Every structure is written in structure tokens, then in C-alpha cells.
Amino acid sequence: MNATAHRQPWTFAAVCVMVIAVTLLVHGLSQMPAIQLLPGYVAAYFLIGACIFGPVGRMPSPRQTVAFLLPGALLVMLAFLDLGFWCGGWLLGLPAWGLLLSRWTPENKLPVVRVLKFLALLVLGLAIFMLNGFIGLFLVFSLAIFLLPLVPIRLAYPDFRAHLLQTGVEVLLSVAAVVLALILPAPEGSWSSPLIHAGGAAAAGLMIAFWAQGIPRRSAKLRLNDGVML
């Protein structure tokens, strides 16, 4: 195997970008129409894509690109109906979706069952995010934001092997997510705070990403042929 085979998507960095983006987008929805937040949504989308597809050292295939961008593009249509919060909901699962697509090759198919499991977890993540702050749930899920800086130092990934650059980027992004959640003011008259939104996004994003991270990158047949598990 060459060095490129060892390169992996920066999934956790993508989750941190998502948490920051969702926190800012939800906060922005209280200040302006959803359509005005479109540039920020697009920027977050491409940053998450860069974290997933950039580090592996090869361009995504046309079908990977279409499958990654198309759901976000379709959801943008809802922003014109002032329903742009669904775009932010899709961002919760975007790092995991990108990770699944990064492993989708002609030799390694993307099973329908796996897509259905992802969608089920996305629905669960949306429920966590939307219910966070009610009936005391924020006491549990909002604390997830404070777990983010622990992940790059291997408390969440026991077998985490990252280069210095990746580790530094992930630490900075995770700390930025926490700082943003603490210093961003709550919208006037709002029942919730940025800390609640950030915590819900972190809990949902980490849950879905952990599931996607645990899926083998290559089919069992290919691993047997190679005699190695990547």
C-alpha cells in the first residue's frame, strides 16, 4: 500500500465545523430571513466537504460529488419558503454522509440498508437537537459541547492517529465551538441560548459520525484479498 491509502477524512474536524455553523445559523434565524443566511450555509457545506474529501488526496468522483451536493441544493429551495432551518438540520448528518460517500467506489458499494440507517440516525439527531432545552434535556445534551476538545486527545477515539496538523486544526475548531457557544448572546425574547443549540448539534453530530466512522472502509472481500484491514 502507498502512503495515500493511509489518508483518512478529517471527520471530527467536519463535525466541529458543523457545530459552529449550526450555532451561527440558528442564531441568525432570529435576526434575519433564512435566505439571507445562504452564503454562510454554502460556506459551511464546502468546508465540511473539504474536511472529508480533501485529506484523502484524491478528488471525489462525479457521483460522489452529486450525491454530496444534491441534498443540500434541494433543501436550499425551502429557504425561499422561509423554512431554511431544515438546511441546518441536514448539516447535522453531513459529516457522516460525506464519510459514507468517500468510501463509495465501484468496488465498495453503498448499500441501501446503510443509507436507511443513516437517515434513521439523522431523524434521531434532529429529534435530539429540536427537543434539546425542553423538559430538562439540555442538562444532558448541552454538555456534549464541552466534550469536543477532549476528542483530539484520544478520549473519544482510543485508536486515534492523527498528524500534528490535523490534531492542531481539530483542537482549534473544537475550542472555537465551545467559546462561540459561551460568548454568543441569546436572541432577545428567545427561550433558548446558543449553548443549547451548540450542545444539541454536538450530541447529534458526534452520534451520527461515530456510527459512520465504525463502518469498514472497504468490503470484506477486498480486505481478504489484500490481507490487510485499512
Protein backbone atom coordinates (compact mmCIF):
# COMPACT_ATOMS: atom_id res chain seq x y z
CA MET A 1 0.00 0.00 0.00
CA ASN A 2 1.15 3.52 -0.67
CA ALA A 3 1.02 6.48 1.68
CA THR A 4 -2.20 7.73 0.12
CA ALA A 5 -4.03 4.63 1.34
CA HIS A 6 -3.42 5.69 4.93
CA ARG A 7 -5.02 9.10 4.50
CA GLN A 8 -8.43 9.44 6.07
CA PRO A 9 -11.09 12.13 6.08
CA TRP A 10 -10.96 14.62 8.93
CA THR A 11 -14.36 13.54 10.20
CA PHE A 12 -14.09 15.15 13.62
CA ALA A 13 -12.94 18.44 12.13
CA ALA A 14 -16.03 18.31 9.90
CA VAL A 15 -18.23 17.77 12.98
CA CYS A 16 -16.69 20.82 14.66
CA VAL A 17 -17.30 22.93 11.55
CA MET A 18 -20.89 21.70 11.57
CA VAL A 19 -21.41 22.63 15.23
CA ILE A 20 -20.05 26.12 14.67
CA ALA A 21 -22.14 26.58 11.51
CA VAL A 22 -25.39 25.32 13.04
CA THR A 23 -24.92 27.52 16.11
CA LEU A 24 -24.40 30.60 13.94
CA LEU A 25 -27.19 29.72 11.51
CA VAL A 26 -29.78 29.09 14.22
CA HIS A 27 -28.75 32.31 15.94
CA GLY A 28 -29.01 34.12 12.61
CA LEU A 29 -32.54 32.84 12.01
CA SER A 30 -33.69 35.04 14.88
CA GLN A 31 -32.13 38.10 13.23
CA MET A 32 -32.89 37.78 9.51
CA PRO A 33 -34.78 35.71 6.91
CA ALA A 34 -33.36 32.27 6.22
CA ILE A 35 -32.47 33.09 2.63
CA GLN A 36 -30.02 35.76 3.80
CA LEU A 37 -28.06 33.06 5.61
CA LEU A 38 -27.47 31.17 2.38
CA PRO A 39 -23.83 32.30 1.93
CA GLY A 40 -22.95 31.01 5.39
CA TYR A 41 -24.75 27.74 4.72
CA VAL A 42 -22.88 27.26 1.43
CA ALA A 43 -19.55 28.08 3.07
CA ALA A 44 -20.19 25.55 5.84
CA TYR A 45 -21.21 22.94 3.28
CA PHE A 46 -17.99 23.33 1.30
CA LEU A 47 -15.81 23.46 4.43
CA ILE A 48 -17.30 20.16 5.62
CA GLY A 49 -16.74 18.73 2.15
CA ALA A 50 -13.12 19.89 2.24
CA CYS A 51 -12.60 18.16 5.62
CA ILE A 52 -14.00 14.90 4.26
CA PHE A 53 -12.68 14.71 0.71
CA GLY A 54 -9.60 16.93 0.84
CA PRO A 55 -7.30 14.96 3.18
CA VAL A 56 -7.67 11.64 1.30
CA GLY A 57 -5.55 13.05 -1.52
CA ARG A 58 -7.92 12.48 -4.44
CA MET A 59 -10.83 14.29 -6.00
CA PRO A 60 -14.30 12.85 -5.38
CA SER A 61 -15.85 11.09 -8.33
CA PRO A 62 -18.75 12.75 -10.19
CA ARG A 63 -21.32 10.55 -8.48
CA GLN A 64 -19.81 11.22 -5.05
CA THR A 65 -19.93 14.96 -5.78
CA VAL A 66 -23.54 14.85 -6.95
CA ALA A 67 -24.66 12.70 -4.00
CA PHE A 68 -22.93 15.08 -1.57
CA LEU A 69 -24.19 18.35 -3.03
CA LEU A 70 -27.66 17.45 -4.29
CA PRO A 71 -29.46 17.10 -0.90
CA GLY A 72 -28.13 20.46 0.25
CA ALA A 73 -29.09 22.13 -3.02
CA LEU A 74 -32.63 20.75 -2.83
CA LEU A 75 -33.02 21.90 0.76
CA VAL A 76 -31.98 25.41 -0.21
CA MET A 77 -35.29 25.62 -2.06
CA LEU A 78 -37.00 25.54 1.33
CA ALA A 79 -35.12 28.67 2.32
CA PHE A 80 -37.14 30.59 -0.26
CA LEU A 81 -40.24 29.44 1.67
CA ASP A 82 -38.67 30.69 4.91
CA LEU A 83 -38.07 27.09 6.02
CA GLY A 84 -34.31 27.30 5.97
CA PHE A 85 -33.93 25.60 9.35
CA TRP A 86 -34.22 22.26 7.54
CA CYS A 87 -30.93 23.06 5.81
CA GLY A 88 -29.30 23.34 9.21
CA GLY A 89 -30.91 20.04 10.18
CA TRP A 90 -29.25 18.35 7.21
CA LEU A 91 -25.89 19.75 8.29
CA LEU A 92 -26.13 17.63 11.47
CA GLY A 93 -25.55 14.50 9.42
CA LEU A 94 -23.44 15.96 6.62
CA PRO A 95 -20.02 14.88 8.01
CA ALA A 96 -21.24 11.29 8.30
CA TRP A 97 -22.91 11.44 4.89
CA GLY A 98 -19.67 12.66 3.35
CA LEU A 99 -17.75 9.89 5.10
CA LEU A 100 -20.09 7.25 3.69
CA LEU A 101 -19.75 8.72 0.22
CA SER A 102 -15.94 8.87 0.48
CA ARG A 103 -15.99 5.06 0.77
CA TRP A 104 -18.44 4.59 -2.10
CA THR A 105 -16.45 3.22 -5.01
CA PRO A 106 -17.21 0.78 -7.86
CA GLU A 107 -15.59 -1.96 -5.74
CA ASN A 108 -17.24 -0.94 -2.48
CA LYS A 109 -20.95 -0.35 -2.92
CA LEU A 110 -23.14 1.85 -0.74
CA PRO A 111 -25.92 -0.49 0.44
CA VAL A 112 -29.46 0.83 0.67
CA VAL A 113 -29.69 -0.53 4.22
CA ARG A 114 -26.73 1.62 5.23
CA VAL A 115 -28.36 4.72 3.75
CA LEU A 116 -31.59 3.92 5.62
CA LYS A 117 -29.65 3.54 8.88
CA PHE A 118 -28.02 6.90 8.27
CA LEU A 119 -31.41 8.54 7.64
CA ALA A 120 -32.82 6.94 10.80
CA LEU A 121 -29.91 8.31 12.84
CA LEU A 122 -30.37 11.71 11.19
CA VAL A 123 -34.01 11.75 12.28
CA LEU A 124 -32.91 10.80 15.80
CA GLY A 125 -30.29 13.54 15.70
CA LEU A 126 -32.90 16.06 14.59
CA ALA A 127 -35.13 14.98 17.47
CA ILE A 128 -32.25 15.44 19.94
CA PHE A 129 -31.47 18.86 18.52
CA MET A 130 -35.08 20.08 18.46
CA LEU A 131 -36.00 18.68 21.88
CA ASN A 132 -32.84 19.94 23.50
CA GLY A 133 -33.81 22.58 26.00
CA PHE A 134 -37.19 21.05 26.82
CA ILE A 135 -38.05 19.01 29.93
CA GLY A 136 -34.51 19.33 31.22
CA LEU A 137 -32.88 17.52 28.27
CA PHE A 138 -30.37 20.36 27.84
CA LEU A 139 -28.78 19.32 31.14
CA VAL A 140 -27.56 16.20 29.35
CA PHE A 141 -27.15 17.04 25.67
CA SER A 142 -25.88 20.59 26.04
CA LEU A 143 -22.90 19.24 27.95
CA ALA A 144 -21.79 17.50 24.75
CA ILE A 145 -20.28 20.76 23.54
CA PHE A 146 -17.71 20.58 26.35
CA LEU A 147 -16.68 17.09 25.23
CA LEU A 148 -15.48 18.32 21.84
CA PRO A 149 -11.98 19.44 22.95
CA LEU A 150 -11.42 16.02 24.57
CA VAL A 151 -11.78 14.09 21.31
CA PRO A 152 -8.49 15.14 19.67
CA ILE A 153 -6.55 13.90 22.71
CA ARG A 154 -7.91 10.39 22.18
CA LEU A 155 -10.51 10.17 24.93
CA ALA A 156 -13.20 9.62 22.30
CA TYR A 157 -11.11 7.76 19.71
CA PRO A 158 -8.83 5.26 21.52
CA ASP A 159 -7.07 4.40 18.25
CA PHE A 160 -6.88 7.99 17.03
CA ARG A 161 -3.72 8.50 14.96
CA ALA A 162 -3.57 11.97 13.53
CA HIS A 163 -0.78 14.07 12.13
CA LEU A 164 0.23 17.18 14.02
CA LEU A 165 -1.58 19.46 11.55
CA GLN A 166 -4.85 17.54 11.85
CA THR A 167 -4.66 17.44 15.64
CA GLY A 168 -3.96 21.17 15.82
CA VAL A 169 -6.83 22.03 13.48
CA GLU A 170 -9.25 19.83 15.42
CA VAL A 171 -8.24 21.29 18.78
CA LEU A 172 -8.67 24.84 17.48
CA LEU A 173 -12.05 24.07 15.90
CA SER A 174 -13.37 22.28 18.98
CA VAL A 175 -12.28 25.07 21.31
CA ALA A 176 -13.76 27.65 18.93
CA ALA A 177 -17.10 25.81 19.07
CA VAL A 178 -17.10 25.94 22.87
CA VAL A 179 -16.07 29.60 23.03
CA LEU A 180 -18.72 30.56 20.47
CA ALA A 181 -21.42 28.75 22.43
CA LEU A 182 -20.44 30.60 25.61
CA ILE A 183 -19.98 34.13 24.28
CA LEU A 184 -22.68 34.38 21.62
CA PRO A 185 -25.60 36.29 23.18
CA ALA A 186 -29.02 34.72 23.29
CA PRO A 187 -31.52 36.39 20.94
CA GLU A 188 -33.82 38.83 22.70
CA GLY A 189 -37.00 37.12 23.82
CA SER A 190 -35.70 33.67 22.93
CA TRP A 191 -36.37 30.68 25.19
CA SER A 192 -33.07 29.04 24.23
CA SER A 193 -29.42 30.01 24.06
CA PRO A 194 -26.52 29.33 21.68
CA LEU A 195 -25.13 26.89 24.27
CA ILE A 196 -28.26 24.77 23.94
CA HIS A 197 -28.09 24.80 20.14
CA ALA A 198 -24.37 24.01 20.11
CA GLY A 199 -24.77 21.20 22.62
CA GLY A 200 -27.61 19.63 20.68
CA ALA A 201 -25.66 19.87 17.44
CA ALA A 202 -22.56 18.36 19.05
CA ALA A 203 -24.54 15.46 20.56
CA ALA A 204 -26.33 14.70 17.29
CA GLY A 205 -23.27 15.17 15.09
CA LEU A 206 -20.99 13.02 17.22
CA MET A 207 -23.58 10.25 17.44
CA ILE A 208 -24.04 10.02 13.68
CA ALA A 209 -20.33 10.45 12.92
CA PHE A 210 -19.29 7.74 15.41
CA TRP A 211 -21.66 5.34 13.67
CA ALA A 212 -20.28 6.20 10.23
CA GLN A 213 -16.69 6.04 11.50
CA GLY A 214 -17.24 2.46 12.63
CA ILE A 215 -18.28 1.20 9.20
CA PRO A 216 -15.44 -0.65 7.42
CA ARG A 217 -13.88 1.42 4.67
CA ARG A 218 -13.65 -1.49 2.28
CA SER A 219 -15.66 -4.62 1.63
CA ALA A 220 -14.76 -7.84 3.42
CA LYS A 221 -13.83 -9.47 0.11
CA LEU A 222 -11.30 -6.76 -0.69
CA ARG A 223 -9.81 -6.91 2.81
CA LEU A 224 -9.29 -10.66 2.44
CA ASN A 225 -7.69 -10.18 -0.96
CA ASP A 226 -5.33 -7.52 0.35
CA GLY A 227 -4.58 -9.37 3.59
CA VAL A 228 -4.89 -6.11 5.49
CA MET A 229 -7.65 -4.03 7.05
CA LEU A 230 -7.25 -0.36 6.22
